[in-house]
């Protein structure tokens, strides 16, 4: 009985994680043009030291962009991302995250 209960809890947990992934890939791709200057048209960074976004975890991208937007990330070249993230609303962030995580 414990195994069944644990299985159900884990199963619903996985389903709820998919429900959080509400971004629109096509909208994210359209919005990503400005990101390409540093992170590459295909999500592979063109500038050494900048992160690759291609295939990155969607929720990680959302939390990272929100951290830049709220200035919780402030080391290194964070000021560049803070400026970019400040122009994004929650839907933009979700869409960009969906787009970059969809790239394989």
PDB file of N, CA and C in Angstrom:
ATOM      1  N   UNK A   1       0.826  -1.183   0.000  1.00  0.00           N
ATOM      2  CA  UNK A   1       0.000   0.000   0.000  1.00  0.00           C
ATOM      3  C   UNK A   1       0.878   1.257   0.000  1.00  0.00           C
ATOM      4  N   UNK A   2       1.976   1.207   0.753  1.00  0.00           N
ATOM      5  CA  UNK A   2       2.869   2.364   0.803  1.00  0.00           C
ATOM      6  C   UNK A   2       3.477   2.647  -0.568  1.00  0.00           C
ATOM      7  N   UNK A   3       3.806   1.579  -1.311  1.00  0.00           N
ATOM      8  CA  UNK A   3       4.392   1.755  -2.645  1.00  0.00           C
ATOM      9  C   UNK A   3       3.393   2.402  -3.604  1.00  0.00           C
ATOM     10  N   UNK A   4       2.144   2.010  -3.497  1.00  0.00           N
ATOM     11  CA  UNK A   4       1.111   2.588  -4.365  1.00  0.00           C
ATOM     12  C   UNK A   4       0.927   4.059  -4.037  1.00  0.00           C
ATOM     13  N   UNK A   5       0.854   4.370  -2.771  1.00  0.00           N
ATOM     14  CA  UNK A   5       0.690   5.765  -2.355  1.00  0.00           C
ATOM     15  C   UNK A   5       1.876   6.602  -2.799  1.00  0.00           C
ATOM     16  N   UNK A   6       3.068   6.091  -2.606  1.00  0.00           N
ATOM     17  CA  UNK A   6       4.271   6.806  -3.029  1.00  0.00           C
ATOM     18  C   UNK A   6       4.273   7.000  -4.540  1.00  0.00           C
ATOM     19  N   UNK A   7       3.873   5.975  -5.273  1.00  0.00           N
ATOM     20  CA  UNK A   7       3.795   6.063  -6.728  1.00  0.00           C
ATOM     21  C   UNK A   7       2.806   7.122  -7.181  1.00  0.00           C
ATOM     22  N   UNK A   8       1.674   7.197  -6.525  1.00  0.00           N
ATOM     23  CA  UNK A   8       0.672   8.209  -6.870  1.00  0.00           C
ATOM     24  C   UNK A   8       1.181   9.616  -6.570  1.00  0.00           C
ATOM     25  N   UNK A   9       1.819   9.780  -5.431  1.00  0.00           N
ATOM     26  CA  UNK A   9       2.362  11.091  -5.068  1.00  0.00           C
ATOM     27  C   UNK A   9       3.415  11.531  -6.076  1.00  0.00           C
ATOM     28  N   UNK A  10       4.325  10.628  -6.430  1.00  0.00           N
ATOM     29  CA  UNK A  10       5.351  10.968  -7.411  1.00  0.00           C
ATOM     30  C   UNK A  10       4.745  11.239  -8.783  1.00  0.00           C
ATOM     31  N   UNK A  11       3.773  10.450  -9.171  1.00  0.00           N
ATOM     32  CA  UNK A  11       3.116  10.635 -10.464  1.00  0.00           C
ATOM     33  C   UNK A  11       2.431  11.987 -10.569  1.00  0.00           C
ATOM     34  N   UNK A  12       1.692  12.354  -9.515  1.00  0.00           N
ATOM     35  CA  UNK A  12       1.036  13.659  -9.533  1.00  0.00           C
ATOM     36  C   UNK A  12       2.050  14.789  -9.476  1.00  0.00           C
ATOM     37  N   UNK A  13       3.130  14.554  -8.813  1.00  0.00           N
ATOM     38  CA  UNK A  13       4.196  15.560  -8.766  1.00  0.00           C
ATOM     39  C   UNK A  13       4.782  15.808 -10.148  1.00  0.00           C
ATOM     40  N   UNK A  14       4.983  14.749 -10.909  1.00  0.00           N
ATOM     41  CA  UNK A  14       5.500  14.896 -12.274  1.00  0.00           C
ATOM     42  C   UNK A  14       4.490  15.601 -13.168  1.00  0.00           C
ATOM     43  N   UNK A  15       3.232  15.259 -13.005  1.00  0.00           N
ATOM     44  CA  UNK A  15       2.200  15.917 -13.803  1.00  0.00           C
ATOM     45  C   UNK A  15       2.108  17.396 -13.475  1.00  0.00           C
ATOM     46  N   UNK A  16       2.227  17.742 -12.210  1.00  0.00           N
ATOM     47  CA  UNK A  16       2.140  19.156 -11.838  1.00  0.00           C
ATOM     48  C   UNK A  16       3.342  19.923 -12.373  1.00  0.00           C
ATOM     49  N   UNK A  17       4.483  19.279 -12.483  1.00  0.00           N
ATOM     50  CA  UNK A  17       5.657  19.930 -13.063  1.00  0.00           C
ATOM     51  C   UNK A  17       5.427  20.268 -14.520  1.00  0.00           C
ATOM     52  N   UNK A  18       4.735  19.398 -15.246  1.00  0.00           N
ATOM     53  CA  UNK A  18       4.411  19.679 -16.643  1.00  0.00           C
ATOM     54  C   UNK A  18       3.391  20.795 -16.745  1.00  0.00           C
ATOM     55  N   UNK A  19       2.514  20.910 -15.781  1.00  0.00           N
ATOM     56  CA  UNK A  19       1.520  21.968 -15.811  1.00  0.00           C
ATOM     57  C   UNK A  19       2.173  23.331 -15.623  1.00  0.00           C
ATOM     58  N   UNK A  20       3.301  23.370 -14.937  1.00  0.00           N
ATOM     59  CA  UNK A  20       4.006  24.630 -14.736  1.00  0.00           C
ATOM     60  C   UNK A  20       4.675  25.119 -16.011  1.00  0.00           C
ATOM     61  N   UNK A  21       4.915  24.212 -16.932  1.00  0.00           N
ATOM     62  CA  UNK A  21       5.575  24.562 -18.186  1.00  0.00           C
ATOM     63  C   UNK A  21       4.533  25.107 -19.155  1.00  0.00           C
ATOM     64  N   UNK A  22       4.153  26.364 -18.945  1.00  0.00           N
ATOM     65  CA  UNK A  22       3.039  26.935 -19.699  1.00  0.00           C
ATOM     66  C   UNK A  22       3.490  27.880 -20.796  1.00  0.00           C
ATOM     67  N   UNK A  23       4.773  27.925 -21.097  1.00  0.00           N
ATOM     68  CA  UNK A  23       5.254  28.844 -22.106  1.00  0.00           C
ATOM     69  C   UNK A  23       4.894  28.414 -23.518  1.00  0.00           C
ATOM     70  N   UNK A  24       4.842  29.392 -24.413  1.00  0.00           N
ATOM     71  CA  UNK A  24       4.533  29.183 -25.822  1.00  0.00           C
ATOM     72  C   UNK A  24       5.847  29.211 -26.600  1.00  0.00           C
ATOM     73  N   UNK A  25       6.227  28.077 -27.172  1.00  0.00           N
ATOM     74  CA  UNK A  25       7.506  27.940 -27.859  1.00  0.00           C
ATOM     75  C   UNK A  25       7.615  28.912 -29.034  1.00  0.00           C
ATOM     76  N   UNK A  26       6.564  29.019 -29.835  1.00  0.00           N
ATOM     77  CA  UNK A  26       6.602  29.906 -31.008  1.00  0.00           C
ATOM     78  C   UNK A  26       6.746  31.369 -30.588  1.00  0.00           C
ATOM     79  N   UNK A  27       6.034  31.769 -29.559  1.00  0.00           N
ATOM     80  CA  UNK A  27       6.146  33.148 -29.062  1.00  0.00           C
ATOM     81  C   UNK A  27       7.539  33.394 -28.499  1.00  0.00           C
ATOM     82  N   UNK A  28       8.094  32.384 -27.842  1.00  0.00           N
ATOM     83  CA  UNK A  28       9.449  32.502 -27.305  1.00  0.00           C
ATOM     84  C   UNK A  28      10.477  32.633 -28.406  1.00  0.00           C
ATOM     85  N   UNK A  29      10.298  31.888 -29.479  1.00  0.00           N
ATOM     86  CA  UNK A  29      11.226  31.969 -30.609  1.00  0.00           C
ATOM     87  C   UNK A  29      11.183  33.369 -31.221  1.00  0.00           C
ATOM     88  N   UNK A  30      10.004  33.942 -31.342  1.00  0.00           N
ATOM     89  CA  UNK A  30       9.873  35.290 -31.900  1.00  0.00           C
ATOM     90  C   UNK A  30      10.528  36.321 -30.990  1.00  0.00           C
ATOM     91  N   UNK A  31      10.440  36.122 -29.698  1.00  0.00           N
ATOM     92  CA  UNK A  31      10.995  37.063 -28.725  1.00  0.00           C
ATOM     93  C   UNK A  31      12.507  36.900 -28.573  1.00  0.00           C
ATOM     94  N   UNK A  32      13.056  35.769 -28.985  1.00  0.00           N
ATOM     95  CA  UNK A  32      14.459  35.434 -28.729  1.00  0.00           C
ATOM     96  C   UNK A  32      15.458  36.138 -29.630  1.00  0.00           C
ATOM     97  N   UNK A  33      15.001  36.912 -30.584  1.00  0.00           N
ATOM     98  CA  UNK A  33      15.925  37.565 -31.527  1.00  0.00           C
ATOM     99  C   UNK A  33      16.972  38.403 -30.797  1.00  0.00           C
ATOM    100  N   UNK A  34      16.570  39.149 -29.789  1.00  0.00           N
ATOM    101  CA  UNK A  34      17.521  39.993 -29.052  1.00  0.00           C
ATOM    102  C   UNK A  34      18.506  39.146 -28.251  1.00  0.00           C
ATOM    103  N   UNK A  35      18.075  37.973 -27.804  1.00  0.00           N
ATOM    104  CA  UNK A  35      18.931  37.078 -27.019  1.00  0.00           C
ATOM    105  C   UNK A  35      20.067  36.515 -27.878  1.00  0.00           C
ATOM    106  N   UNK A  36      19.792  36.390 -29.177  1.00  0.00           N
ATOM    107  CA  UNK A  36      20.743  35.761 -30.093  1.00  0.00           C
ATOM    108  C   UNK A  36      22.065  36.509 -30.180  1.00  0.00           C
ATOM    109  N   UNK A  37      22.058  37.805 -29.893  1.00  0.00           N
ATOM    110  CA  UNK A  37      23.298  38.581 -29.973  1.00  0.00           C
ATOM    111  C   UNK A  37      24.384  38.005 -29.064  1.00  0.00           C
ATOM    112  N   UNK A  38      23.995  37.514 -27.923  1.00  0.00           N
ATOM    113  CA  UNK A  38      24.969  36.957 -26.970  1.00  0.00           C
ATOM    114  C   UNK A  38      24.872  35.441 -26.853  1.00  0.00           C
ATOM    115  N   UNK A  39      23.639  34.920 -26.924  1.00  0.00           N
ATOM    116  CA  UNK A  39      23.418  33.498 -26.680  1.00  0.00           C
ATOM    117  C   UNK A  39      23.289  32.682 -27.956  1.00  0.00           C
ATOM    118  N   UNK A  40      23.476  33.311 -29.109  1.00  0.00           N
ATOM    119  CA  UNK A  40      23.450  32.615 -30.385  1.00  0.00           C
ATOM    120  C   UNK A  40      22.055  32.361 -30.921  1.00  0.00           C
ATOM    121  N   UNK A  41      21.922  32.358 -32.231  1.00  0.00           N
ATOM    122  CA  UNK A  41      20.630  32.142 -32.880  1.00  0.00           C
ATOM    123  C   UNK A  41      20.063  30.762 -32.552  1.00  0.00           C
ATOM    124  N   UNK A  42      20.942  29.809 -32.278  1.00  0.00           N
ATOM    125  CA  UNK A  42      20.505  28.451 -31.966  1.00  0.00           C
ATOM    126  C   UNK A  42      20.632  28.121 -30.477  1.00  0.00           C
ATOM    127  N   UNK A  43      20.855  29.158 -29.656  1.00  0.00           N
ATOM    128  CA  UNK A  43      20.977  28.939 -28.218  1.00  0.00           C
ATOM    129  C   UNK A  43      22.367  28.538 -27.767  1.00  0.00           C
ATOM    130  N   UNK A  44      23.314  28.511 -28.690  1.00  0.00           N
ATOM    131  CA  UNK A  44      24.715  28.223 -28.349  1.00  0.00           C
ATOM    132  C   UNK A  44      25.439  29.564 -28.341  1.00  0.00           C
ATOM    133  N   UNK A  45      25.959  29.931 -27.197  1.00  0.00           N
ATOM    134  CA  UNK A  45      26.566  31.244 -26.996  1.00  0.00           C
ATOM    135  C   UNK A  45      27.669  31.532 -28.003  1.00  0.00           C
ATOM    136  N   UNK A  46      27.667  32.770 -28.507  1.00  0.00           N
ATOM    137  CA  UNK A  46      28.679  33.195 -29.473  1.00  0.00           C
ATOM    138  C   UNK A  46      29.806  33.971 -28.800  1.00  0.00           C
ATOM    139  N   UNK A  47      29.628  34.312 -27.527  1.00  0.00           N
ATOM    140  CA  UNK A  47      30.629  35.060 -26.775  1.00  0.00           C
ATOM    141  C   UNK A  47      31.155  34.156 -25.663  1.00  0.00           C
ATOM    142  N   UNK A  48      32.470  33.973 -25.592  1.00  0.00           N
ATOM    143  CA  UNK A  48      33.028  33.133 -24.521  1.00  0.00           C
ATOM    144  C   UNK A  48      32.590  33.642 -23.140  1.00  0.00           C
ATOM    145  N   UNK A  49      32.221  32.710 -22.278  1.00  0.00           N
ATOM    146  CA  UNK A  49      31.796  33.063 -20.933  1.00  0.00           C
ATOM    147  C   UNK A  49      30.298  33.254 -20.786  1.00  0.00           C
ATOM    148  N   UNK A  50      29.591  33.355 -21.898  1.00  0.00           N
ATOM    149  CA  UNK A  50      28.140  33.482 -21.839  1.00  0.00           C
ATOM    150  C   UNK A  50      27.544  32.074 -21.890  1.00  0.00           C
ATOM    151  N   UNK A  51      26.461  31.832 -21.165  1.00  0.00           N
ATOM    152  CA  UNK A  51      25.917  30.472 -21.112  1.00  0.00           C
ATOM    153  C   UNK A  51      25.147  30.070 -22.368  1.00  0.00           C
ATOM    154  N   UNK A  52      25.213  28.793 -22.676  1.00  0.00           N
ATOM    155  CA  UNK A  52      24.369  28.220 -23.718  1.00  0.00           C
ATOM    156  C   UNK A  52      22.972  28.045 -23.139  1.00  0.00           C
ATOM    157  N   UNK A  53      21.967  28.393 -23.905  1.00  0.00           N
ATOM    158  CA  UNK A  53      20.587  28.255 -23.447  1.00  0.00           C
ATOM    159  C   UNK A  53      19.886  27.058 -24.086  1.00  0.00           C
ATOM    160  N   UNK A  54      20.433  26.566 -25.161  1.00  0.00           N
ATOM    161  CA  UNK A  54      19.847  25.444 -25.892  1.00  0.00           C
ATOM    162  C   UNK A  54      19.674  24.232 -24.981  1.00  0.00           C
ATOM    163  N   UNK A  55      18.420  23.749 -24.887  1.00  0.00           N
ATOM    164  CA  UNK A  55      18.140  22.541 -24.119  1.00  0.00           C
ATOM    165  C   UNK A  55      18.191  22.705 -22.612  1.00  0.00           C
ATOM    166  N   UNK A  56      18.346  23.923 -22.141  1.00  0.00           N
ATOM    167  CA  UNK A  56      18.420  24.170 -20.695  1.00  0.00           C
ATOM    168  C   UNK A  56      17.057  23.864 -20.059  1.00  0.00           C
ATOM    169  N   UNK A  57      17.053  23.515 -18.807  1.00  0.00           N
ATOM    170  CA  UNK A  57      15.832  23.214 -18.072  1.00  0.00           C
ATOM    171  C   UNK A  57      14.924  24.442 -18.024  1.00  0.00           C
ATOM    172  N   UNK A  58      13.664  24.250 -18.395  1.00  0.00           N
ATOM    173  CA  UNK A  58      12.712  25.355 -18.499  1.00  0.00           C
ATOM    174  C   UNK A  58      12.525  26.113 -17.187  1.00  0.00           C
ATOM    175  N   UNK A  59      12.318  25.383 -16.101  1.00  0.00           N
ATOM    176  CA  UNK A  59      12.098  26.050 -14.818  1.00  0.00           C
ATOM    177  C   UNK A  59      13.352  26.782 -14.340  1.00  0.00           C
ATOM    178  N   UNK A  60      14.512  26.245 -14.663  1.00  0.00           N
ATOM    179  CA  UNK A  60      15.763  26.924 -14.331  1.00  0.00           C
ATOM    180  C   UNK A  60      15.860  28.257 -15.070  1.00  0.00           C
ATOM    181  N   UNK A  61      15.503  28.245 -16.351  1.00  0.00           N
ATOM    182  CA  UNK A  61      15.543  29.485 -17.132  1.00  0.00           C
ATOM    183  C   UNK A  61      14.571  30.519 -16.569  1.00  0.00           C
ATOM    184  N   UNK A  62      13.373  30.087 -16.197  1.00  0.00           N
ATOM    185  CA  UNK A  62      12.389  31.006 -15.619  1.00  0.00           C
ATOM    186  C   UNK A  62      12.939  31.608 -14.322  1.00  0.00           C
ATOM    187  N   UNK A  63      13.448  30.764 -13.443  1.00  0.00           N
ATOM    188  CA  UNK A  63      13.945  31.280 -12.154  1.00  0.00           C
ATOM    189  C   UNK A  63      15.171  32.166 -12.352  1.00  0.00           C
ATOM    190  N   UNK A  64      16.019  31.834 -13.318  1.00  0.00           N
ATOM    191  CA  UNK A  64      17.200  32.651 -13.579  1.00  0.00           C
ATOM    192  C   UNK A  64      16.815  34.028 -14.102  1.00  0.00           C
ATOM    193  N   UNK A  65      15.908  34.060 -15.085  1.00  0.00           N
ATOM    194  CA  UNK A  65      15.498  35.362 -15.632  1.00  0.00           C
ATOM    195  C   UNK A  65      14.770  36.204 -14.596  1.00  0.00           C
ATOM    196  N   UNK A  66      13.969  35.554 -13.755  1.00  0.00           N
ATOM    197  CA  UNK A  66      13.302  36.297 -12.680  1.00  0.00           C
ATOM    198  C   UNK A  66      14.310  36.835 -11.674  1.00  0.00           C
ATOM    199  N   UNK A  67      15.358  36.070 -11.400  1.00  0.00           N
ATOM    200  CA  UNK A  67      16.400  36.529 -10.478  1.00  0.00           C
ATOM    201  C   UNK A  67      17.143  37.729 -11.050  1.00  0.00           C
ATOM    202  N   UNK A  68      17.368  37.743 -12.347  1.00  0.00           N
ATOM    203  CA  UNK A  68      17.980  38.921 -12.965  1.00  0.00           C
ATOM    204  C   UNK A  68      17.013  40.106 -12.904  1.00  0.00           C
ATOM    205  N   UNK A  69      15.763  39.848 -13.191  1.00  0.00           N
ATOM    206  CA  UNK A  69      14.755  40.906 -13.217  1.00  0.00           C
ATOM    207  C   UNK A  69      14.620  41.586 -11.857  1.00  0.00           C
ATOM    208  N   UNK A  70      14.691  40.811 -10.788  1.00  0.00           N
ATOM    209  CA  UNK A  70      14.562  41.358  -9.434  1.00  0.00           C
ATOM    210  C   UNK A  70      15.908  41.737  -8.822  1.00  0.00           C
ATOM    211  N   UNK A  71      16.962  41.626  -9.635  1.00  0.00           N
ATOM    212  CA  UNK A  71      18.327  41.966  -9.238  1.00  0.00           C
ATOM    213  C   UNK A  71      18.864  41.117  -8.095  1.00  0.00           C
ATOM    214  N   UNK A  72      18.367  39.881  -7.989  1.00  0.00           N
ATOM    215  CA  UNK A  72      18.913  38.939  -7.028  1.00  0.00           C
ATOM    216  C   UNK A  72      20.227  38.368  -7.548  1.00  0.00           C
ATOM    217  N   UNK A  73      20.384  38.322  -8.860  1.00  0.00           N
ATOM    218  CA  UNK A  73      21.664  37.948  -9.470  1.00  0.00           C
ATOM    219  C   UNK A  73      22.344  39.246  -9.852  1.00  0.00           C
ATOM    220  N   UNK A  74      23.539  39.451  -9.296  1.00  0.00           N
ATOM    221  CA  UNK A  74      24.185  40.732  -9.543  1.00  0.00           C
ATOM    222  C   UNK A  74      25.692  40.655  -9.708  1.00  0.00           C
ATOM    223  N   UNK A  75      26.238  39.494  -9.894  1.00  0.00           N
ATOM    224  CA  UNK A  75      27.683  39.367 -10.086  1.00  0.00           C
ATOM    225  C   UNK A  75      28.068  39.386 -11.550  1.00  0.00           C
ATOM    226  N   UNK A  76      29.332  39.587 -11.815  1.00  0.00           N
ATOM    227  CA  UNK A  76      29.856  39.522 -13.180  1.00  0.00           C
ATOM    228  C   UNK A  76      29.172  40.494 -14.120  1.00  0.00           C
ATOM    229  N   UNK A  77      28.663  39.968 -15.216  1.00  0.00           N
ATOM    230  CA  UNK A  77      27.986  40.785 -16.213  1.00  0.00           C
ATOM    231  C   UNK A  77      26.466  40.807 -16.008  1.00  0.00           C
ATOM    232  N   UNK A  78      26.037  40.586 -14.774  1.00  0.00           N
ATOM    233  CA  UNK A  78      24.602  40.519 -14.482  1.00  0.00           C
ATOM    234  C   UNK A  78      23.869  41.792 -14.874  1.00  0.00           C
ATOM    235  N   UNK A  79      24.563  42.915 -14.844  1.00  0.00           N
ATOM    236  CA  UNK A  79      23.906  44.180 -15.186  1.00  0.00           C
ATOM    237  C   UNK A  79      23.336  44.141 -16.606  1.00  0.00           C
ATOM    238  N   UNK A  80      23.984  43.418 -17.508  1.00  0.00           N
ATOM    239  CA  UNK A  80      23.490  43.276 -18.877  1.00  0.00           C
ATOM    240  C   UNK A  80      22.173  42.507 -18.874  1.00  0.00           C
ATOM    241  N   UNK A  81      22.138  41.383 -18.161  1.00  0.00           N
ATOM    242  CA  UNK A  81      20.919  40.581 -18.098  1.00  0.00           C
ATOM    243  C   UNK A  81      19.832  41.274 -17.286  1.00  0.00           C
ATOM    244  N   UNK A  82      20.202  42.023 -16.277  1.00  0.00           N
ATOM    245  CA  UNK A  82      19.198  42.762 -15.504  1.00  0.00           C
ATOM    246  C   UNK A  82      18.448  43.732 -16.403  1.00  0.00           C
ATOM    247  N   UNK A  83      19.172  44.424 -17.269  1.00  0.00           N
ATOM    248  CA  UNK A  83      18.543  45.370 -18.193  1.00  0.00           C
ATOM    249  C   UNK A  83      17.616  44.642 -19.164  1.00  0.00           C
ATOM    250  N   UNK A  84      18.074  43.515 -19.694  1.00  0.00           N
ATOM    251  CA  UNK A  84      17.250  42.753 -20.635  1.00  0.00           C
ATOM    252  C   UNK A  84      16.012  42.187 -19.939  1.00  0.00           C
ATOM    253  N   UNK A  85      16.203  41.595 -18.774  1.00  0.00           N
ATOM    254  CA  UNK A  85      15.093  40.967 -18.051  1.00  0.00           C
ATOM    255  C   UNK A  85      14.073  41.991 -17.575  1.00  0.00           C
ATOM    256  N   UNK A  86      14.512  43.200 -17.303  1.00  0.00           N
ATOM    257  CA  UNK A  86      13.580  44.230 -16.826  1.00  0.00           C
ATOM    258  C   UNK A  86      12.528  44.569 -17.885  1.00  0.00           C
ATOM    259  N   UNK A  87      12.815  44.265 -19.134  1.00  0.00           N
ATOM    260  CA  UNK A  87      11.871  44.557 -20.222  1.00  0.00           C
ATOM    261  C   UNK A  87      10.915  43.395 -20.502  1.00  0.00           C
ATOM    262  N   UNK A  88      11.046  42.307 -19.751  1.00  0.00           N
ATOM    263  CA  UNK A  88      10.229  41.116 -19.986  1.00  0.00           C
ATOM    264  C   UNK A  88       9.121  40.993 -18.953  1.00  0.00           C
ATOM    265  N   UNK A  89       7.931  40.621 -19.405  1.00  0.00           N
ATOM    266  CA  UNK A  89       6.870  40.309 -18.447  1.00  0.00           C
ATOM    267  C   UNK A  89       6.888  38.805 -18.177  1.00  0.00           C
ATOM    268  N   UNK A  90       6.021  38.339 -17.309  1.00  0.00           N
ATOM    269  CA  UNK A  90       6.015  36.923 -16.928  1.00  0.00           C
ATOM    270  C   UNK A  90       5.763  36.005 -18.128  1.00  0.00           C
ATOM    271  N   UNK A  91       4.877  36.421 -19.028  1.00  0.00           N
ATOM    272  CA  UNK A  91       4.592  35.602 -20.209  1.00  0.00           C
ATOM    273  C   UNK A  91       5.810  35.526 -21.121  1.00  0.00           C
ATOM    274  N   UNK A  92       6.506  36.654 -21.306  1.00  0.00           N
ATOM    275  CA  UNK A  92       7.727  36.657 -22.124  1.00  0.00           C
ATOM    276  C   UNK A  92       8.750  35.683 -21.558  1.00  0.00           C
ATOM    277  N   UNK A  93       8.935  35.727 -20.254  1.00  0.00           N
ATOM    278  CA  UNK A  93       9.911  34.853 -19.589  1.00  0.00           C
ATOM    279  C   UNK A  93       9.519  33.387 -19.774  1.00  0.00           C
ATOM    280  N   UNK A  94       8.243  33.081 -19.570  1.00  0.00           N
ATOM    281  CA  UNK A  94       7.771  31.700 -19.742  1.00  0.00           C
ATOM    282  C   UNK A  94       7.952  31.247 -21.184  1.00  0.00           C
ATOM    283  N   UNK A  95       7.667  32.130 -22.130  1.00  0.00           N
ATOM    284  CA  UNK A  95       7.791  31.776 -23.549  1.00  0.00           C
ATOM    285  C   UNK A  95       9.242  31.560 -23.954  1.00  0.00           C
ATOM    286  N   UNK A  96      10.129  32.431 -23.503  1.00  0.00           N
ATOM    287  CA  UNK A  96      11.549  32.262 -23.810  1.00  0.00           C
ATOM    288  C   UNK A  96      12.085  30.968 -23.212  1.00  0.00           C
ATOM    289  N   UNK A  97      11.694  30.692 -21.979  1.00  0.00           N
ATOM    290  CA  UNK A  97      12.144  29.462 -21.324  1.00  0.00           C
ATOM    291  C   UNK A  97      11.628  28.234 -22.074  1.00  0.00           C
ATOM    292  N   UNK A  98      10.377  28.284 -22.508  1.00  0.00           N
ATOM    293  CA  UNK A  98       9.807  27.166 -23.264  1.00  0.00           C
ATOM    294  C   UNK A  98      10.557  26.965 -24.575  1.00  0.00           C
ATOM    295  N   UNK A  99      10.870  28.061 -25.236  1.00  0.00           N
ATOM    296  CA  UNK A  99      11.583  27.978 -26.513  1.00  0.00           C
ATOM    297  C   UNK A  99      12.978  27.364 -26.336  1.00  0.00           C
ATOM    298  N   UNK A 100      13.776  27.949 -25.442  1.00  0.00           N
ATOM    299  CA  UNK A 100      15.145  27.452 -25.292  1.00  0.00           C
ATOM    300  C   UNK A 100      15.191  26.025 -24.764  1.00  0.00           C
ATOM    301  N   UNK A 101      14.260  25.668 -23.897  1.00  0.00           N
ATOM    302  CA  UNK A 101      14.269  24.287 -23.386  1.00  0.00           C
ATOM    303  C   UNK A 101      13.823  23.295 -24.453  1.00  0.00           C
ATOM    304  N   UNK A 102      13.088  23.768 -25.465  1.00  0.00           N
ATOM    305  CA  UNK A 102      12.624  22.874 -26.523  1.00  0.00           C
ATOM    306  C   UNK A 102      13.723  22.544 -27.537  1.00  0.00           C
ATOM    307  N   UNK A 103      14.788  23.328 -27.567  1.00  0.00           N
ATOM    308  CA  UNK A 103      15.865  23.098 -28.521  1.00  0.00           C
ATOM    309  C   UNK A 103      16.681  21.883 -28.088  1.00  0.00           C
ATOM    310  N   UNK A 104      16.877  20.979 -28.991  1.00  0.00           N
ATOM    311  CA  UNK A 104      17.652  19.767 -28.652  1.00  0.00           C
ATOM    312  C   UNK A 104      18.841  19.637 -29.566  1.00  0.00           C
TER     313      UNK A 104
END
